[in-house]
Amino acid sequence: MSTAAIQERDRITARVTKKVKQELEDAAALLGSTLNEFMVQSALERAHKILERDQIISLTAADSAVFFQALDNPSKPNDALKKAFAKYAG
């Protein structure tokens, strides 16, 4: 049996107005989905966008220049870094 087939499921409920429910049902129908499938997929897509946004670092043009300058011209390792490397590699 596959892992997906044995995953435990949980339930999420939401109370909405009749108008909101009808809009969601109409949108789901346009996609050929059930209301449940539509709501889960929509919520999951939104969650992914929010989580992805949290993992992206945005820099100004000036900050980007400093960052790439540091990558292109790294400073020489100091004694503490050399010691840490020796300990880690050792």
PDB file of N, CA and C in Angstrom:
ATOM      1  N   MET A   1       0.843  -1.175   0.000  1.00  0.00           N
ATOM      2  CA  MET A   1       0.000   0.000   0.000  1.00  0.00           C
ATOM      3  C   MET A   1       0.890   1.241   0.000  1.00  0.00           C
ATOM      4  N   SER A   2       0.551   2.232  -0.809  1.00  0.00           N
ATOM      5  CA  SER A   2       1.380   3.430  -0.909  1.00  0.00           C
ATOM      6  C   SER A   2       1.245   4.302   0.328  1.00  0.00           C
ATOM      7  N   THR A   3       2.247   5.158   0.524  1.00  0.00           N
ATOM      8  CA  THR A   3       2.243   6.066   1.674  1.00  0.00           C
ATOM      9  C   THR A   3       1.033   6.988   1.623  1.00  0.00           C
ATOM     10  N   ALA A   4       0.703   7.475   0.430  1.00  0.00           N
ATOM     11  CA  ALA A   4      -0.430   8.392   0.295  1.00  0.00           C
ATOM     12  C   ALA A   4      -1.731   7.716   0.694  1.00  0.00           C
ATOM     13  N   ALA A   5      -1.840   6.429   0.427  1.00  0.00           N
ATOM     14  CA  ALA A   5      -3.076   5.713   0.723  1.00  0.00           C
ATOM     15  C   ALA A   5      -3.283   5.510   2.215  1.00  0.00           C
ATOM     16  N   ILE A   6      -2.209   5.496   3.000  1.00  0.00           N
ATOM     17  CA  ILE A   6      -2.362   5.233   4.430  1.00  0.00           C
ATOM     18  C   ILE A   6      -2.186   6.481   5.295  1.00  0.00           C
ATOM     19  N   GLN A   7      -2.037   7.648   4.684  1.00  0.00           N
ATOM     20  CA  GLN A   7      -1.897   8.875   5.464  1.00  0.00           C
ATOM     21  C   GLN A   7      -3.190   9.161   6.210  1.00  0.00           C
ATOM     22  N   GLU A   8      -3.039   9.523   7.462  1.00  0.00           N
ATOM     23  CA  GLU A   8      -4.202   9.869   8.264  1.00  0.00           C
ATOM     24  C   GLU A   8      -4.772  11.194   7.770  1.00  0.00           C
ATOM     25  N   ARG A   9      -6.077  11.279   7.744  1.00  0.00           N
ATOM     26  CA  ARG A   9      -6.742  12.495   7.274  1.00  0.00           C
ATOM     27  C   ARG A   9      -7.350  13.234   8.445  1.00  0.00           C
ATOM     28  N   ASP A  10      -7.554  14.511   8.260  1.00  0.00           N
ATOM     29  CA  ASP A  10      -8.174  15.342   9.281  1.00  0.00           C
ATOM     30  C   ASP A  10      -9.239  16.189   8.610  1.00  0.00           C
ATOM     31  N   ARG A  11     -10.077  16.803   9.402  1.00  0.00           N
ATOM     32  CA  ARG A  11     -11.191  17.580   8.873  1.00  0.00           C
ATOM     33  C   ARG A  11     -11.013  19.053   9.219  1.00  0.00           C
ATOM     34  N   ILE A  12     -11.379  19.903   8.262  1.00  0.00           N
ATOM     35  CA  ILE A  12     -11.411  21.347   8.474  1.00  0.00           C
ATOM     36  C   ILE A  12     -12.827  21.802   8.143  1.00  0.00           C
ATOM     37  N   THR A  13     -13.403  22.616   8.985  1.00  0.00           N
ATOM     38  CA  THR A  13     -14.742  23.142   8.708  1.00  0.00           C
ATOM     39  C   THR A  13     -14.701  24.660   8.705  1.00  0.00           C
ATOM     40  N   ALA A  14     -15.649  25.244   7.999  1.00  0.00           N
ATOM     41  CA  ALA A  14     -15.742  26.705   7.944  1.00  0.00           C
ATOM     42  C   ALA A  14     -17.206  27.105   7.840  1.00  0.00           C
ATOM     43  N   ARG A  15     -17.568  28.139   8.534  1.00  0.00           N
ATOM     44  CA  ARG A  15     -18.924  28.687   8.434  1.00  0.00           C
ATOM     45  C   ARG A  15     -18.851  29.930   7.553  1.00  0.00           C
ATOM     46  N   VAL A  16     -19.689  29.939   6.521  1.00  0.00           N
ATOM     47  CA  VAL A  16     -19.730  31.063   5.589  1.00  0.00           C
ATOM     48  C   VAL A  16     -21.182  31.417   5.296  1.00  0.00           C
ATOM     49  N   THR A  17     -21.372  32.582   4.717  1.00  0.00           N
ATOM     50  CA  THR A  17     -22.725  32.968   4.317  1.00  0.00           C
ATOM     51  C   THR A  17     -23.147  32.138   3.109  1.00  0.00           C
ATOM     52  N   LYS A  18     -24.446  32.112   2.844  1.00  0.00           N
ATOM     53  CA  LYS A  18     -24.946  31.367   1.682  1.00  0.00           C
ATOM     54  C   LYS A  18     -24.367  31.936   0.390  1.00  0.00           C
ATOM     55  N   LYS A  19     -24.210  33.258   0.355  1.00  0.00           N
ATOM     56  CA  LYS A  19     -23.655  33.895  -0.844  1.00  0.00           C
ATOM     57  C   LYS A  19     -22.216  33.440  -1.087  1.00  0.00           C
ATOM     58  N   VAL A  20     -21.411  33.415  -0.042  1.00  0.00           N
ATOM     59  CA  VAL A  20     -20.020  32.976  -0.173  1.00  0.00           C
ATOM     60  C   VAL A  20     -19.973  31.521  -0.613  1.00  0.00           C
ATOM     61  N   LYS A  21     -20.798  30.690  -0.004  1.00  0.00           N
ATOM     62  CA  LYS A  21     -20.821  29.269  -0.379  1.00  0.00           C
ATOM     63  C   LYS A  21     -21.196  29.116  -1.846  1.00  0.00           C
ATOM     64  N   GLN A  22     -22.181  29.879  -2.303  1.00  0.00           N
ATOM     65  CA  GLN A  22     -22.606  29.783  -3.700  1.00  0.00           C
ATOM     66  C   GLN A  22     -21.485  30.207  -4.641  1.00  0.00           C
ATOM     67  N   GLU A  23     -20.778  31.264  -4.293  1.00  0.00           N
ATOM     68  CA  GLU A  23     -19.651  31.705  -5.124  1.00  0.00           C
ATOM     69  C   GLU A  23     -18.571  30.636  -5.200  1.00  0.00           C
ATOM     70  N   LEU A  24     -18.276  30.028  -4.069  1.00  0.00           N
ATOM     71  CA  LEU A  24     -17.267  28.967  -4.045  1.00  0.00           C
ATOM     72  C   LEU A  24     -17.722  27.770  -4.872  1.00  0.00           C
ATOM     73  N   GLU A  25     -18.984  27.407  -4.752  1.00  0.00           N
ATOM     74  CA  GLU A  25     -19.517  26.286  -5.541  1.00  0.00           C
ATOM     75  C   GLU A  25     -19.470  26.601  -7.030  1.00  0.00           C
ATOM     76  N   ASP A  26     -19.810  27.835  -7.400  1.00  0.00           N
ATOM     77  CA  ASP A  26     -19.770  28.230  -8.814  1.00  0.00           C
ATOM     78  C   ASP A  26     -18.349  28.161  -9.366  1.00  0.00           C
ATOM     79  N   ALA A  27     -17.399  28.663  -8.600  1.00  0.00           N
ATOM     80  CA  ALA A  27     -16.000  28.620  -9.041  1.00  0.00           C
ATOM     81  C   ALA A  27     -15.515  27.177  -9.159  1.00  0.00           C
ATOM     82  N   ALA A  28     -15.872  26.353  -8.186  1.00  0.00           N
ATOM     83  CA  ALA A  28     -15.477  24.942  -8.226  1.00  0.00           C
ATOM     84  C   ALA A  28     -16.067  24.257  -9.450  1.00  0.00           C
ATOM     85  N   ALA A  29     -17.326  24.548  -9.737  1.00  0.00           N
ATOM     86  CA  ALA A  29     -17.987  23.933 -10.889  1.00  0.00           C
ATOM     87  C   ALA A  29     -17.298  24.324 -12.195  1.00  0.00           C
ATOM     88  N   LEU A  30     -16.872  25.571 -12.295  1.00  0.00           N
ATOM     89  CA  LEU A  30     -16.169  26.009 -13.505  1.00  0.00           C
ATOM     90  C   LEU A  30     -14.878  25.233 -13.726  1.00  0.00           C
ATOM     91  N   LEU A  31     -14.264  24.795 -12.644  1.00  0.00           N
ATOM     92  CA  LEU A  31     -13.025  24.017 -12.745  1.00  0.00           C
ATOM     93  C   LEU A  31     -13.274  22.519 -12.787  1.00  0.00           C
ATOM     94  N   GLY A  32     -14.527  22.120 -12.656  1.00  0.00           N
ATOM     95  CA  GLY A  32     -14.843  20.688 -12.643  1.00  0.00           C
ATOM     96  C   GLY A  32     -14.438  20.020 -11.346  1.00  0.00           C
ATOM     97  N   SER A  33     -14.434  20.790 -10.267  1.00  0.00           N
ATOM     98  CA  SER A  33     -14.031  20.272  -8.956  1.00  0.00           C
ATOM     99  C   SER A  33     -15.217  20.255  -8.012  1.00  0.00           C
ATOM    100  N   THR A  34     -15.084  19.469  -6.980  1.00  0.00           N
ATOM    101  CA  THR A  34     -16.058  19.545  -5.903  1.00  0.00           C
ATOM    102  C   THR A  34     -15.738  20.779  -5.073  1.00  0.00           C
ATOM    103  N   LEU A  35     -16.687  21.195  -4.271  1.00  0.00           N
ATOM    104  CA  LEU A  35     -16.454  22.338  -3.393  1.00  0.00           C
ATOM    105  C   LEU A  35     -15.285  22.048  -2.460  1.00  0.00           C
ATOM    106  N   ASN A  36     -15.258  20.856  -1.910  1.00  0.00           N
ATOM    107  CA  ASN A  36     -14.180  20.481  -0.992  1.00  0.00           C
ATOM    108  C   ASN A  36     -12.818  20.524  -1.686  1.00  0.00           C
ATOM    109  N   GLU A  37     -12.729  19.927  -2.874  1.00  0.00           N
ATOM    110  CA  GLU A  37     -11.462  19.937  -3.619  1.00  0.00           C
ATOM    111  C   GLU A  37     -11.017  21.369  -3.922  1.00  0.00           C
ATOM    112  N   PHE A  38     -11.979  22.196  -4.336  1.00  0.00           N
ATOM    113  CA  PHE A  38     -11.674  23.587  -4.669  1.00  0.00           C
ATOM    114  C   PHE A  38     -11.155  24.342  -3.454  1.00  0.00           C
ATOM    115  N   MET A  39     -11.824  24.188  -2.334  1.00  0.00           N
ATOM    116  CA  MET A  39     -11.421  24.913  -1.128  1.00  0.00           C
ATOM    117  C   MET A  39     -10.056  24.464  -0.631  1.00  0.00           C
ATOM    118  N   VAL A  40      -9.821  23.161  -0.635  1.00  0.00           N
ATOM    119  CA  VAL A  40      -8.530  22.652  -0.169  1.00  0.00           C
ATOM    120  C   VAL A  40      -7.414  23.123  -1.099  1.00  0.00           C
ATOM    121  N   GLN A  41      -7.623  23.008  -2.408  1.00  0.00           N
ATOM    122  CA  GLN A  41      -6.592  23.413  -3.362  1.00  0.00           C
ATOM    123  C   GLN A  41      -6.321  24.909  -3.278  1.00  0.00           C
ATOM    124  N   SER A  42      -7.379  25.703  -3.176  1.00  0.00           N
ATOM    125  CA  SER A  42      -7.214  27.158  -3.085  1.00  0.00           C
ATOM    126  C   SER A  42      -6.466  27.552  -1.817  1.00  0.00           C
ATOM    127  N   ALA A  43      -6.847  26.955  -0.711  1.00  0.00           N
ATOM    128  CA  ALA A  43      -6.184  27.264   0.563  1.00  0.00           C
ATOM    129  C   ALA A  43      -4.725  26.822   0.527  1.00  0.00           C
ATOM    130  N   LEU A  44      -4.466  25.669  -0.066  1.00  0.00           N
ATOM    131  CA  LEU A  44      -3.099  25.159  -0.138  1.00  0.00           C
ATOM    132  C   LEU A  44      -2.223  26.043  -1.029  1.00  0.00           C
ATOM    133  N   GLU A  45      -2.766  26.492  -2.158  1.00  0.00           N
ATOM    134  CA  GLU A  45      -2.009  27.398  -3.029  1.00  0.00           C
ATOM    135  C   GLU A  45      -1.666  28.686  -2.289  1.00  0.00           C
ATOM    136  N   ARG A  46      -2.620  29.223  -1.554  1.00  0.00           N
ATOM    137  CA  ARG A  46      -2.390  30.455  -0.782  1.00  0.00           C
ATOM    138  C   ARG A  46      -1.340  30.214   0.295  1.00  0.00           C
ATOM    139  N   ALA A  47      -1.437  29.080   0.971  1.00  0.00           N
ATOM    140  CA  ALA A  47      -0.462  28.747   2.014  1.00  0.00           C
ATOM    141  C   ALA A  47       0.942  28.652   1.428  1.00  0.00           C
ATOM    142  N   HIS A  48       1.067  28.021   0.265  1.00  0.00           N
ATOM    143  CA  HIS A  48       2.380  27.897  -0.381  1.00  0.00           C
ATOM    144  C   HIS A  48       2.956  29.268  -0.714  1.00  0.00           C
ATOM    145  N   LYS A  49       2.109  30.180  -1.218  1.00  0.00           N
ATOM    146  CA  LYS A  49       2.581  31.526  -1.550  1.00  0.00           C
ATOM    147  C   LYS A  49       3.072  32.259  -0.307  1.00  0.00           C
ATOM    148  N   ILE A  50       2.323  32.143   0.772  1.00  0.00           N
ATOM    149  CA  ILE A  50       2.706  32.811   2.020  1.00  0.00           C
ATOM    150  C   ILE A  50       4.003  32.235   2.560  1.00  0.00           C
ATOM    151  N   LEU A  51       4.116  30.909   2.567  1.00  0.00           N
ATOM    152  CA  LEU A  51       5.327  30.267   3.074  1.00  0.00           C
ATOM    153  C   LEU A  51       6.527  30.572   2.185  1.00  0.00           C
ATOM    154  N   GLU A  52       6.312  30.595   0.876  1.00  0.00           N
ATOM    155  CA  GLU A  52       7.399  30.912  -0.053  1.00  0.00           C
ATOM    156  C   GLU A  52       7.877  32.344   0.149  1.00  0.00           C
ATOM    157  N   ARG A  53       6.935  33.266   0.316  1.00  0.00           N
ATOM    158  CA  ARG A  53       7.280  34.672   0.530  1.00  0.00           C
ATOM    159  C   ARG A  53       8.141  34.840   1.780  1.00  0.00           C
ATOM    160  N   ASP A  54       7.888  34.011   2.775  1.00  0.00           N
ATOM    161  CA  ASP A  54       8.648  34.073   4.018  1.00  0.00           C
ATOM    162  C   ASP A  54      10.089  33.613   3.821  1.00  0.00           C
ATOM    163  N   GLN A  55      10.337  32.827   2.781  1.00  0.00           N
ATOM    164  CA  GLN A  55      11.665  32.265   2.563  1.00  0.00           C
ATOM    165  C   GLN A  55      12.493  33.058   1.556  1.00  0.00           C
ATOM    166  N   ILE A  56      11.899  34.062   0.942  1.00  0.00           N
ATOM    167  CA  ILE A  56      12.599  34.860  -0.063  1.00  0.00           C
ATOM    168  C   ILE A  56      13.171  36.116   0.588  1.00  0.00           C
ATOM    169  N   ILE A  57      14.413  36.397   0.285  1.00  0.00           N
ATOM    170  CA  ILE A  57      15.070  37.595   0.805  1.00  0.00           C
ATOM    171  C   ILE A  57      15.072  38.644  -0.300  1.00  0.00           C
ATOM    172  N   SER A  58      14.530  39.800  -0.006  1.00  0.00           N
ATOM    173  CA  SER A  58      14.505  40.900  -0.976  1.00  0.00           C
ATOM    174  C   SER A  58      15.554  41.931  -0.586  1.00  0.00           C
ATOM    175  N   LEU A  59      16.346  42.325  -1.571  1.00  0.00           N
ATOM    176  CA  LEU A  59      17.397  43.312  -1.334  1.00  0.00           C
ATOM    177  C   LEU A  59      17.197  44.517  -2.239  1.00  0.00           C
ATOM    178  N   THR A  60      17.586  45.668  -1.742  1.00  0.00           N
ATOM    179  CA  THR A  60      17.608  46.855  -2.597  1.00  0.00           C
ATOM    180  C   THR A  60      18.751  46.686  -3.595  1.00  0.00           C
ATOM    181  N   ALA A  61      18.789  47.554  -4.591  1.00  0.00           N
ATOM    182  CA  ALA A  61      19.873  47.497  -5.577  1.00  0.00           C
ATOM    183  C   ALA A  61      21.223  47.684  -4.897  1.00  0.00           C
ATOM    184  N   ALA A  62      21.288  48.600  -3.943  1.00  0.00           N
ATOM    185  CA  ALA A  62      22.553  48.851  -3.231  1.00  0.00           C
ATOM    186  C   ALA A  62      22.954  47.638  -2.402  1.00  0.00           C
ATOM    187  N   ASP A  63      21.989  47.049  -1.693  1.00  0.00           N
ATOM    188  CA  ASP A  63      22.284  45.864  -0.888  1.00  0.00           C
ATOM    189  C   ASP A  63      22.711  44.696  -1.769  1.00  0.00           C
ATOM    190  N   SER A  64      22.076  44.567  -2.927  1.00  0.00           N
ATOM    191  CA  SER A  64      22.447  43.500  -3.864  1.00  0.00           C
ATOM    192  C   SER A  64      23.887  43.666  -4.325  1.00  0.00           C
ATOM    193  N   ALA A  65      24.272  44.902  -4.611  1.00  0.00           N
ATOM    194  CA  ALA A  65      25.643  45.171  -5.058  1.00  0.00           C
ATOM    195  C   ALA A  65      26.645  44.789  -3.979  1.00  0.00           C
ATOM    196  N   VAL A  66      26.353  45.140  -2.729  1.00  0.00           N
ATOM    197  CA  VAL A  66      27.242  44.792  -1.612  1.00  0.00           C
ATOM    198  C   VAL A  66      27.320  43.277  -1.460  1.00  0.00           C
ATOM    199  N   PHE A  67      26.181  42.611  -1.554  1.00  0.00           N
ATOM    200  CA  PHE A  67      26.133  41.157  -1.400  1.00  0.00           C
ATOM    201  C   PHE A  67      26.975  40.469  -2.477  1.00  0.00           C
ATOM    202  N   PHE A  68      26.773  40.855  -3.738  1.00  0.00           N
ATOM    203  CA  PHE A  68      27.522  40.213  -4.819  1.00  0.00           C
ATOM    204  C   PHE A  68      29.005  40.582  -4.787  1.00  0.00           C
ATOM    205  N   GLN A  69      29.307  41.769  -4.322  1.00  0.00           N
ATOM    206  CA  GLN A  69      30.713  42.160  -4.149  1.00  0.00           C
ATOM    207  C   GLN A  69      31.377  41.235  -3.133  1.00  0.00           C
ATOM    208  N   ALA A  70      30.676  40.943  -2.048  1.00  0.00           N
ATOM    209  CA  ALA A  70      31.223  40.049  -1.019  1.00  0.00           C
ATOM    210  C   ALA A  70      31.394  38.633  -1.566  1.00  0.00           C
ATOM    211  N   LEU A  71      30.479  38.198  -2.422  1.00  0.00           N
ATOM    212  CA  LEU A  71      30.619  36.868  -3.027  1.00  0.00           C
ATOM    213  C   LEU A  71      31.800  36.820  -3.996  1.00  0.00           C
ATOM    214  N   ASP A  72      31.935  37.883  -4.776  1.00  0.00           N
ATOM    215  CA  ASP A  72      33.014  37.925  -5.769  1.00  0.00           C
ATOM    216  C   ASP A  72      34.389  38.128  -5.143  1.00  0.00           C
ATOM    217  N   ASN A  73      34.439  38.808  -4.002  1.00  0.00           N
ATOM    218  CA  ASN A  73      35.709  39.119  -3.341  1.00  0.00           C
ATOM    219  C   ASN A  73      35.628  38.785  -1.855  1.00  0.00           C
ATOM    220  N   PRO A  74      35.591  37.516  -1.536  1.00  0.00           N
ATOM    221  CA  PRO A  74      35.455  37.151  -0.117  1.00  0.00           C
ATOM    222  C   PRO A  74      36.699  37.542   0.682  1.00  0.00           C
ATOM    223  N   SER A  75      36.477  37.876   1.946  1.00  0.00           N
ATOM    224  CA  SER A  75      37.622  38.206   2.801  1.00  0.00           C
ATOM    225  C   SER A  75      38.353  36.919   3.168  1.00  0.00           C
ATOM    226  N   LYS A  76      39.606  37.062   3.558  1.00  0.00           N
ATOM    227  CA  LYS A  76      40.404  35.887   3.926  1.00  0.00           C
ATOM    228  C   LYS A  76      39.919  35.358   5.273  1.00  0.00           C
ATOM    229  N   PRO A  77      39.952  34.044   5.454  1.00  0.00           N
ATOM    230  CA  PRO A  77      39.491  33.477   6.728  1.00  0.00           C
ATOM    231  C   PRO A  77      40.384  33.908   7.888  1.00  0.00           C
ATOM    232  N   ASN A  78      39.746  34.257   9.002  1.00  0.00           N
ATOM    233  CA  ASN A  78      40.513  34.634  10.197  1.00  0.00           C
ATOM    234  C   ASN A  78      40.862  33.372  10.992  1.00  0.00           C
ATOM    235  N   ASP A  79      41.596  33.538  12.081  1.00  0.00           N
ATOM    236  CA  ASP A  79      42.050  32.386  12.871  1.00  0.00           C
ATOM    237  C   ASP A  79      40.885  31.572  13.430  1.00  0.00           C
ATOM    238  N   ALA A  80      39.835  32.243  13.881  1.00  0.00           N
ATOM    239  CA  ALA A  80      38.686  31.533  14.448  1.00  0.00           C
ATOM    240  C   ALA A  80      38.011  30.665  13.389  1.00  0.00           C
ATOM    241  N   LEU A  81      37.893  31.179  12.178  1.00  0.00           N
ATOM    242  CA  LEU A  81      37.283  30.408  11.101  1.00  0.00           C
ATOM    243  C   LEU A  81      38.167  29.226  10.718  1.00  0.00           C
ATOM    244  N   LYS A  82      39.469  29.451  10.658  1.00  0.00           N
ATOM    245  CA  LYS A  82      40.394  28.356  10.348  1.00  0.00           C
ATOM    246  C   LYS A  82      40.310  27.263  11.406  1.00  0.00           C
ATOM    247  N   LYS A  83      40.231  27.673  12.667  1.00  0.00           N
ATOM    248  CA  LYS A  83      40.138  26.710  13.767  1.00  0.00           C
ATOM    249  C   LYS A  83      38.830  25.919  13.678  1.00  0.00           C
ATOM    250  N   ALA A  84      37.746  26.608  13.396  1.00  0.00           N
ATOM    251  CA  ALA A  84      36.450  25.942  13.279  1.00  0.00           C
ATOM    252  C   ALA A  84      36.457  24.960  12.114  1.00  0.00           C
ATOM    253  N   PHE A  85      37.065  25.353  11.000  1.00  0.00           N
ATOM    254  CA  PHE A  85      37.143  24.473   9.847  1.00  0.00           C
ATOM    255  C   PHE A  85      37.962  23.227  10.168  1.00  0.00           C
ATOM    256  N   ALA A  86      39.088  23.429  10.831  1.00  0.00           N
ATOM    257  CA  ALA A  86      39.944  22.294  11.195  1.00  0.00           C
ATOM    258  C   ALA A  86      39.198  21.336  12.121  1.00  0.00           C
ATOM    259  N   LYS A  87      38.458  21.886  13.050  1.00  0.00           N
ATOM    260  CA  LYS A  87      37.688  21.060  13.984  1.00  0.00           C
ATOM    261  C   LYS A  87      36.598  20.291  13.236  1.00  0.00           C
ATOM    262  N   TYR A  88      35.910  20.960  12.322  1.00  0.00           N
ATOM    263  CA  TYR A  88      34.825  20.338  11.574  1.00  0.00           C
ATOM    264  C   TYR A  88      35.360  19.293  10.599  1.00  0.00           C
ATOM    265  N   ALA A  89      36.418  19.624   9.885  1.00  0.00           N
ATOM    266  CA  ALA A  89      36.971  18.734   8.866  1.00  0.00           C
ATOM    267  C   ALA A  89      37.770  17.586   9.478  1.00  0.00           C
ATOM    268  N   GLY A  90      38.203  17.790  10.705  1.00  0.00           N
ATOM    269  CA  GLY A  90      39.151  16.950  11.350  1.00  0.00           C
ATOM    270  C   GLY A  90      38.879  15.609  11.734  1.00  0.00           C
TER     271      GLY A  90
END
